Amino acid sequence: MKDTLFTNWNFSRALRLVFGLIIAYQAIIHKDPIAGFLAVFLLFQSLTNTGCCGSSCAIPTKKCDTTKK
């Protein structure tokens, strides 16, 4: 868990964290539960590095060995 939080930070992950924090602040100020759910979703994605923009959704590629017959 500690490795997930502190490694593999890229632009999209940092952007989700920033947007999550901004939306969470606005949700608290305006008492908006829908914005709060969106903020929790974005913060969860950024902290765990999950989601379609993260590396966990990437399809692993298999290299074919074409030299064997």
C-alpha atoms as a PDB file:
ATOM      1  CA  MET A   1       0.000   0.000   0.000  1.00  0.00           C
ATOM      2  CA  LYS A   2       2.827   2.370   0.844  1.00  0.00           C
ATOM      3  CA  ASP A   3       4.445   1.704  -2.528  1.00  0.00           C
ATOM      4  CA  THR A   4       1.187   2.464  -4.343  1.00  0.00           C
ATOM      5  CA  LEU A   5       0.838   5.822  -2.601  1.00  0.00           C
ATOM      6  CA  PHE A   6       4.377   7.058  -3.154  1.00  0.00           C
ATOM      7  CA  THR A   7       5.409   5.676  -6.565  1.00  0.00           C
ATOM      8  CA  ASN A   8       4.360   6.043 -10.217  1.00  0.00           C
ATOM      9  CA  TRP A   9       3.024   9.587  -9.961  1.00  0.00           C
ATOM     10  CA  ASN A  10       2.349  11.064 -13.373  1.00  0.00           C
ATOM     11  CA  PHE A  11       0.513  14.110 -14.683  1.00  0.00           C
ATOM     12  CA  SER A  12      -2.946  12.528 -14.894  1.00  0.00           C
ATOM     13  CA  ARG A  13      -2.702  11.076 -11.391  1.00  0.00           C
ATOM     14  CA  ALA A  14      -1.649  14.434  -9.937  1.00  0.00           C
ATOM     15  CA  LEU A  15      -4.398  16.168 -11.896  1.00  0.00           C
ATOM     16  CA  ARG A  16      -7.041  13.818 -10.419  1.00  0.00           C
ATOM     17  CA  LEU A  17      -5.678  14.560  -6.937  1.00  0.00           C
ATOM     18  CA  VAL A  18      -5.849  18.322  -7.473  1.00  0.00           C
ATOM     19  CA  PHE A  19      -9.364  18.175  -8.960  1.00  0.00           C
ATOM     20  CA  GLY A  20     -10.497  15.859  -6.170  1.00  0.00           C
ATOM     21  CA  LEU A  21      -9.239  18.266  -3.515  1.00  0.00           C
ATOM     22  CA  ILE A  22     -10.797  21.297  -5.210  1.00  0.00           C
ATOM     23  CA  ILE A  23     -14.152  19.562  -5.673  1.00  0.00           C
ATOM     24  CA  ALA A  24     -14.062  18.258  -2.084  1.00  0.00           C
ATOM     25  CA  TYR A  25     -13.491  21.795  -0.805  1.00  0.00           C
ATOM     26  CA  GLN A  26     -16.381  23.113  -2.903  1.00  0.00           C
ATOM     27  CA  ALA A  27     -18.627  20.238  -1.796  1.00  0.00           C
ATOM     28  CA  ILE A  28     -17.984  21.058   1.856  1.00  0.00           C
ATOM     29  CA  ILE A  29     -18.514  24.792   1.379  1.00  0.00           C
ATOM     30  CA  HIS A  30     -21.746  24.385  -0.618  1.00  0.00           C
ATOM     31  CA  LYS A  31     -22.952  21.236   1.213  1.00  0.00           C
ATOM     32  CA  ASP A  32     -23.370  19.388  -2.072  1.00  0.00           C
ATOM     33  CA  PRO A  33     -23.432  15.583  -1.685  1.00  0.00           C
ATOM     34  CA  ILE A  34     -23.139  14.847  -5.422  1.00  0.00           C
ATOM     35  CA  ALA A  35     -19.950  16.882  -5.679  1.00  0.00           C
ATOM     36  CA  GLY A  36     -18.759  15.100  -2.538  1.00  0.00           C
ATOM     37  CA  PHE A  37     -19.223  11.702  -4.192  1.00  0.00           C
ATOM     38  CA  LEU A  38     -17.319  12.909  -7.249  1.00  0.00           C
ATOM     39  CA  ALA A  39     -14.523  14.217  -5.038  1.00  0.00           C
ATOM     40  CA  VAL A  40     -14.269  10.919  -3.137  1.00  0.00           C
ATOM     41  CA  PHE A  41     -14.194   9.038  -6.445  1.00  0.00           C
ATOM     42  CA  LEU A  42     -11.385  11.200  -7.856  1.00  0.00           C
ATOM     43  CA  LEU A  43      -9.388  11.082  -4.626  1.00  0.00           C
ATOM     44  CA  PHE A  44      -9.728   7.302  -4.460  1.00  0.00           C
ATOM     45  CA  GLN A  45      -8.535   6.971  -8.056  1.00  0.00           C
ATOM     46  CA  SER A  46      -5.555   9.225  -7.508  1.00  0.00           C
ATOM     47  CA  LEU A  47      -4.422   7.665  -4.235  1.00  0.00           C
ATOM     48  CA  THR A  48      -4.728   4.057  -5.391  1.00  0.00           C
ATOM     49  CA  ASN A  49      -3.683   4.720  -9.009  1.00  0.00           C
ATOM     50  CA  THR A  50      -6.756   2.983 -10.402  1.00  0.00           C
ATOM     51  CA  GLY A  51      -9.160   3.863 -13.144  1.00  0.00           C
ATOM     52  CA  CYS A  52      -8.984   3.942 -16.883  1.00  0.00           C
ATOM     53  CA  CYS A  53      -6.353   6.677 -16.823  1.00  0.00           C
ATOM     54  CA  GLY A  54      -4.180   4.742 -14.396  1.00  0.00           C
ATOM     55  CA  SER A  55      -1.708   1.985 -15.060  1.00  0.00           C
ATOM     56  CA  SER A  56      -3.830  -0.775 -13.530  1.00  0.00           C
ATOM     57  CA  CYS A  57      -6.237  -0.854 -16.492  1.00  0.00           C
ATOM     58  CA  ALA A  58      -3.505  -1.332 -19.053  1.00  0.00           C
ATOM     59  CA  ILE A  59      -3.749  -4.537 -21.021  1.00  0.00           C
ATOM     60  CA  PRO A  60      -0.511  -6.480 -20.729  1.00  0.00           C
ATOM     61  CA  THR A  61       1.135  -7.074 -24.070  1.00  0.00           C
ATOM     62  CA  LYS A  62       2.562 -10.444 -24.944  1.00  0.00           C
ATOM     63  CA  LYS A  63       5.526 -10.534 -27.235  1.00  0.00           C
ATOM     64  CA  CYS A  64       5.332 -13.237 -29.831  1.00  0.00           C
ATOM     65  CA  ASP A  65       8.478 -15.135 -30.630  1.00  0.00           C
ATOM     66  CA  THR A  66       8.425 -15.364 -34.411  1.00  0.00           C
ATOM     67  CA  THR A  67      11.815 -17.047 -34.719  1.00  0.00           C
ATOM     68  CA  LYS A  68      10.499 -20.483 -33.731  1.00  0.00           C
ATOM     69  CA  LYS A  69       8.825 -22.605 -36.414  1.00  0.00           C
END
